[in-house]
Amino acid sequence: MTTGLMTRRTLLLTGSAFLVTGASGWSVPARAKGLAPTPTMRGGSNNYRPGAPIVDRIGGGGFWMTGTVRRAGDGAPLAGQRIQIWAHTTEGHERDQRSHGATLTDANGVFRLEMPQIVPAFGQPHGHLAYDSGTFETVFLRPVMKSSADTSLEAHFVLQPA
């Protein structure tokens, strides 16, 4: 009998607390404060070229690099942020200028850039991405693909103001 009362009491107290904090808006900022910035990955800046031009596509295309860019803390999507992308592809090495390009995020903080198929370099198929516009801290990513047959790669940035 005591267990049933404690369960109902706990349920009522928990439900009441949720309604009070939810109605006041406390629950949303509490969750948002936990969104930590993305750390730079080791090897991410290899063959980086500052100022790579914004392009519609790198080379002949056929492979998609996609992702999102959000602000640390509140997780708000960041529009108009420049993301540079480069990789070792079927059309060139990651050190080649023609293998580099940049794109901007849309209103929802989403970016997409078509490029040639990524192929293994140093035994792993991987891409390189950088946020380097200056408003936020620079971040370099080096995500590895599960398979060299994949036709897309996704990477996400959470940026800390500079």
C-alpha atoms as a PDB file:
ATOM      1  CA  MET A   1       0.000   0.000   0.000  1.00  0.00           C
ATOM      2  CA  THR A   2       2.831   2.411   0.847  1.00  0.00           C
ATOM      3  CA  THR A   3       4.541   1.733  -2.492  1.00  0.00           C
ATOM      4  CA  GLY A   4       1.370   2.715  -4.383  1.00  0.00           C
ATOM      5  CA  LEU A   5       1.047   5.978  -2.445  1.00  0.00           C
ATOM      6  CA  MET A   6       4.691   6.865  -3.039  1.00  0.00           C
ATOM      7  CA  THR A   7       4.335   6.167  -6.737  1.00  0.00           C
ATOM      8  CA  ARG A   8       1.244   8.355  -7.051  1.00  0.00           C
ATOM      9  CA  ARG A   9       2.830  11.069  -4.900  1.00  0.00           C
ATOM     10  CA  THR A  10       6.039  10.961  -6.988  1.00  0.00           C
ATOM     11  CA  LEU A  11       4.028  11.081 -10.191  1.00  0.00           C
ATOM     12  CA  LEU A  12       1.978  14.050  -8.984  1.00  0.00           C
ATOM     13  CA  LEU A  13       5.039  15.974  -7.774  1.00  0.00           C
ATOM     14  CA  THR A  14       6.997  15.274 -10.951  1.00  0.00           C
ATOM     15  CA  GLY A  15       4.051  16.185 -13.170  1.00  0.00           C
ATOM     16  CA  SER A  16       3.419  19.402 -11.232  1.00  0.00           C
ATOM     17  CA  ALA A  17       7.081  20.387 -11.428  1.00  0.00           C
ATOM     18  CA  PHE A  18       7.088  19.763 -15.176  1.00  0.00           C
ATOM     19  CA  LEU A  19       3.963  21.871 -15.716  1.00  0.00           C
ATOM     20  CA  VAL A  20       5.345  24.761 -13.664  1.00  0.00           C
ATOM     21  CA  THR A  21       8.763  24.804 -15.347  1.00  0.00           C
ATOM     22  CA  GLY A  22       7.324  24.117 -18.794  1.00  0.00           C
ATOM     23  CA  ALA A  23       4.804  26.935 -18.486  1.00  0.00           C
ATOM     24  CA  SER A  24       7.484  29.371 -17.331  1.00  0.00           C
ATOM     25  CA  GLY A  25       9.897  28.400 -20.134  1.00  0.00           C
ATOM     26  CA  TRP A  26      12.614  27.177 -17.764  1.00  0.00           C
ATOM     27  CA  SER A  27      12.885  23.763 -19.370  1.00  0.00           C
ATOM     28  CA  VAL A  28      13.994  24.974 -22.827  1.00  0.00           C
ATOM     29  CA  PRO A  29      16.977  27.118 -21.738  1.00  0.00           C
ATOM     30  CA  ALA A  30      18.112  24.406 -19.330  1.00  0.00           C
ATOM     31  CA  ARG A  31      18.404  21.923 -22.234  1.00  0.00           C
ATOM     32  CA  ALA A  32      19.993  24.453 -24.570  1.00  0.00           C
ATOM     33  CA  LYS A  33      22.821  25.353 -22.174  1.00  0.00           C
ATOM     34  CA  GLY A  34      24.161  21.825 -22.572  1.00  0.00           C
ATOM     35  CA  LEU A  35      24.977  22.161 -26.315  1.00  0.00           C
ATOM     36  CA  ALA A  36      28.780  22.222 -26.343  1.00  0.00           C
ATOM     37  CA  PRO A  37      30.864  23.556 -29.232  1.00  0.00           C
ATOM     38  CA  THR A  38      32.325  21.101 -31.743  1.00  0.00           C
ATOM     39  CA  PRO A  39      36.025  20.495 -31.094  1.00  0.00           C
ATOM     40  CA  THR A  40      38.504  20.586 -33.960  1.00  0.00           C
ATOM     41  CA  MET A  41      39.423  17.075 -35.138  1.00  0.00           C
ATOM     42  CA  ARG A  42      43.012  15.919 -35.403  1.00  0.00           C
ATOM     43  CA  GLY A  43      44.138  16.077 -39.039  1.00  0.00           C
ATOM     44  CA  GLY A  44      41.183  18.262 -40.001  1.00  0.00           C
ATOM     45  CA  SER A  45      43.310  21.183 -41.137  1.00  0.00           C
ATOM     46  CA  ASN A  46      45.614  19.089 -43.372  1.00  0.00           C
ATOM     47  CA  ASN A  47      45.937  20.744 -46.797  1.00  0.00           C
ATOM     48  CA  TYR A  48      43.651  23.636 -45.747  1.00  0.00           C
ATOM     49  CA  ARG A  49      43.635  26.624 -48.125  1.00  0.00           C
ATOM     50  CA  PRO A  50      42.442  29.879 -46.535  1.00  0.00           C
ATOM     51  CA  GLY A  51      39.922  31.754 -48.648  1.00  0.00           C
ATOM     52  CA  ALA A  52      38.762  28.924 -50.928  1.00  0.00           C
ATOM     53  CA  PRO A  53      36.120  30.393 -53.260  1.00  0.00           C
ATOM     54  CA  ILE A  54      32.386  29.853 -52.814  1.00  0.00           C
ATOM     55  CA  VAL A  55      31.329  27.481 -55.606  1.00  0.00           C
ATOM     56  CA  ASP A  56      28.168  25.791 -56.878  1.00  0.00           C
ATOM     57  CA  ARG A  57      30.004  22.471 -57.161  1.00  0.00           C
ATOM     58  CA  ILE A  58      33.529  21.061 -56.938  1.00  0.00           C
ATOM     59  CA  GLY A  59      34.531  19.284 -60.159  1.00  0.00           C
ATOM     60  CA  GLY A  60      32.121  16.939 -61.909  1.00  0.00           C
ATOM     61  CA  GLY A  61      30.054  16.115 -58.852  1.00  0.00           C
ATOM     62  CA  GLY A  62      28.259  12.887 -57.975  1.00  0.00           C
ATOM     63  CA  PHE A  63      29.035  12.932 -54.223  1.00  0.00           C
ATOM     64  CA  TRP A  64      27.276  15.094 -51.620  1.00  0.00           C
ATOM     65  CA  MET A  65      28.828  16.694 -48.548  1.00  0.00           C
ATOM     66  CA  THR A  66      26.045  17.908 -46.240  1.00  0.00           C
ATOM     67  CA  GLY A  67      25.547  19.088 -42.685  1.00  0.00           C
ATOM     68  CA  THR A  68      24.314  21.737 -40.302  1.00  0.00           C
ATOM     69  CA  VAL A  69      25.766  24.683 -38.448  1.00  0.00           C
ATOM     70  CA  ARG A  70      24.352  25.732 -35.065  1.00  0.00           C
ATOM     71  CA  ARG A  71      25.366  28.094 -32.278  1.00  0.00           C
ATOM     72  CA  ALA A  72      26.757  26.639 -29.056  1.00  0.00           C
ATOM     73  CA  GLY A  73      24.500  27.118 -26.047  1.00  0.00           C
ATOM     74  CA  ASP A  74      21.067  27.669 -27.546  1.00  0.00           C
ATOM     75  CA  GLY A  75      21.489  25.499 -30.666  1.00  0.00           C
ATOM     76  CA  ALA A  76      20.077  28.155 -32.998  1.00  0.00           C
ATOM     77  CA  PRO A  77      20.704  27.439 -36.704  1.00  0.00           C
ATOM     78  CA  LEU A  78      23.249  29.815 -38.239  1.00  0.00           C
ATOM     79  CA  ALA A  79      22.404  31.166 -41.692  1.00  0.00           C
ATOM     80  CA  GLY A  80      24.990  32.518 -44.130  1.00  0.00           C
ATOM     81  CA  GLN A  81      27.973  30.731 -42.576  1.00  0.00           C
ATOM     82  CA  ARG A  82      30.842  29.791 -44.860  1.00  0.00           C
ATOM     83  CA  ILE A  83      31.919  26.140 -44.816  1.00  0.00           C
ATOM     84  CA  GLN A  84      35.009  25.129 -46.784  1.00  0.00           C
ATOM     85  CA  ILE A  85      35.169  21.547 -48.088  1.00  0.00           C
ATOM     86  CA  TRP A  86      38.038  19.562 -49.622  1.00  0.00           C
ATOM     87  CA  ALA A  87      38.973  15.918 -50.083  1.00  0.00           C
ATOM     88  CA  HIS A  88      40.970  13.346 -52.029  1.00  0.00           C
ATOM     89  CA  THR A  89      38.592  12.505 -54.888  1.00  0.00           C
ATOM     90  CA  THR A  90      38.442  10.728 -58.220  1.00  0.00           C
ATOM     91  CA  GLU A  91      39.406  14.068 -59.793  1.00  0.00           C
ATOM     92  CA  GLY A  92      42.244  15.241 -57.552  1.00  0.00           C
ATOM     93  CA  HIS A  93      44.173  15.135 -54.327  1.00  0.00           C
ATOM     94  CA  GLU A  94      43.138  17.100 -51.241  1.00  0.00           C
ATOM     95  CA  ARG A  95      46.184  19.368 -51.689  1.00  0.00           C
ATOM     96  CA  ASP A  96      45.025  20.402 -55.206  1.00  0.00           C
ATOM     97  CA  GLN A  97      43.343  23.784 -55.478  1.00  0.00           C
ATOM     98  CA  ARG A  98      40.642  22.291 -57.730  1.00  0.00           C
ATOM     99  CA  SER A  99      39.641  19.924 -54.871  1.00  0.00           C
ATOM    100  CA  HIS A 100      38.693  22.859 -52.603  1.00  0.00           C
ATOM    101  CA  GLY A 101      35.513  24.916 -52.491  1.00  0.00           C
ATOM    102  CA  ALA A 102      33.187  26.623 -50.040  1.00  0.00           C
ATOM    103  CA  THR A 103      29.447  26.974 -49.610  1.00  0.00           C
ATOM    104  CA  LEU A 104      27.082  28.971 -47.392  1.00  0.00           C
ATOM    105  CA  THR A 105      24.442  27.694 -44.990  1.00  0.00           C
ATOM    106  CA  ASP A 106      20.779  28.369 -45.741  1.00  0.00           C
ATOM    107  CA  ALA A 107      18.219  29.952 -43.367  1.00  0.00           C
ATOM    108  CA  ASN A 108      18.029  26.672 -41.412  1.00  0.00           C
ATOM    109  CA  GLY A 109      21.808  26.392 -40.988  1.00  0.00           C
ATOM    110  CA  VAL A 110      22.018  23.586 -43.575  1.00  0.00           C
ATOM    111  CA  PHE A 111      24.786  23.285 -46.167  1.00  0.00           C
ATOM    112  CA  ARG A 112      25.150  21.029 -49.223  1.00  0.00           C
ATOM    113  CA  LEU A 113      27.914  20.875 -51.756  1.00  0.00           C
ATOM    114  CA  GLU A 114      28.295  18.415 -54.616  1.00  0.00           C
ATOM    115  CA  MET A 115      31.771  17.177 -55.415  1.00  0.00           C
ATOM    116  CA  PRO A 116      33.538  14.213 -57.080  1.00  0.00           C
ATOM    117  CA  GLN A 117      33.488  10.818 -55.327  1.00  0.00           C
ATOM    118  CA  ILE A 118      35.771  10.716 -52.283  1.00  0.00           C
ATOM    119  CA  VAL A 119      38.392   7.969 -52.469  1.00  0.00           C
ATOM    120  CA  PRO A 120      40.660   6.583 -49.727  1.00  0.00           C
ATOM    121  CA  ALA A 121      43.737   8.553 -48.748  1.00  0.00           C
ATOM    122  CA  PHE A 122      46.038   7.063 -46.107  1.00  0.00           C
ATOM    123  CA  GLY A 123      43.764   4.005 -46.066  1.00  0.00           C
ATOM    124  CA  GLN A 124      40.553   5.863 -45.196  1.00  0.00           C
ATOM    125  CA  PRO A 125      37.934   7.595 -47.340  1.00  0.00           C
ATOM    126  CA  HIS A 126      37.420  10.934 -45.567  1.00  0.00           C
ATOM    127  CA  GLY A 127      36.544  14.538 -46.160  1.00  0.00           C
ATOM    128  CA  HIS A 128      37.752  17.801 -44.693  1.00  0.00           C
ATOM    129  CA  LEU A 129      35.523  20.682 -43.647  1.00  0.00           C
ATOM    130  CA  ALA A 130      36.265  24.013 -42.014  1.00  0.00           C
ATOM    131  CA  TYR A 131      34.324  26.869 -40.546  1.00  0.00           C
ATOM    132  CA  ASP A 132      36.728  29.788 -40.864  1.00  0.00           C
ATOM    133  CA  SER A 133      34.735  32.988 -41.278  1.00  0.00           C
ATOM    134  CA  GLY A 134      35.867  34.684 -38.058  1.00  0.00           C
ATOM    135  CA  THR A 135      32.566  35.415 -36.273  1.00  0.00           C
ATOM    136  CA  PHE A 136      32.926  32.116 -34.422  1.00  0.00           C
ATOM    137  CA  GLU A 137      35.974  30.072 -33.431  1.00  0.00           C
ATOM    138  CA  THR A 138      37.555  28.202 -36.354  1.00  0.00           C
ATOM    139  CA  VAL A 139      36.725  24.481 -36.427  1.00  0.00           C
ATOM    140  CA  PHE A 140      38.270  21.812 -38.662  1.00  0.00           C
ATOM    141  CA  LEU A 141      36.540  18.440 -39.150  1.00  0.00           C
ATOM    142  CA  ARG A 142      37.805  15.230 -40.738  1.00  0.00           C
ATOM    143  CA  PRO A 143      34.890  12.768 -40.860  1.00  0.00           C
ATOM    144  CA  VAL A 144      35.651   9.252 -42.076  1.00  0.00           C
ATOM    145  CA  MET A 145      33.230   7.407 -44.362  1.00  0.00           C
ATOM    146  CA  LYS A 146      31.977   3.923 -43.457  1.00  0.00           C
ATOM    147  CA  SER A 147      32.711   2.741 -46.991  1.00  0.00           C
ATOM    148  CA  SER A 148      34.429   4.174 -50.057  1.00  0.00           C
ATOM    149  CA  ALA A 149      31.243   3.236 -51.950  1.00  0.00           C
ATOM    150  CA  ASP A 150      29.186   5.805 -49.963  1.00  0.00           C
ATOM    151  CA  THR A 151      27.937   8.671 -52.120  1.00  0.00           C
ATOM    152  CA  SER A 152      27.482  11.203 -49.318  1.00  0.00           C
ATOM    153  CA  LEU A 153      29.055  12.321 -46.066  1.00  0.00           C
ATOM    154  CA  GLU A 154      27.463  14.369 -43.308  1.00  0.00           C
ATOM    155  CA  ALA A 155      29.190  16.672 -40.790  1.00  0.00           C
ATOM    156  CA  HIS A 156      27.726  18.990 -38.165  1.00  0.00           C
ATOM    157  CA  PHE A 157      29.193  22.100 -36.565  1.00  0.00           C
ATOM    158  CA  VAL A 158      28.254  23.686 -33.239  1.00  0.00           C
ATOM    159  CA  LEU A 159      30.120  26.977 -33.116  1.00  0.00           C
ATOM    160  CA  GLN A 160      31.361  29.058 -30.202  1.00  0.00           C
ATOM    161  CA  PRO A 161      31.503  32.867 -30.658  1.00  0.00           C
ATOM    162  CA  ALA A 162      35.075  34.108 -31.133  1.00  0.00           C
END
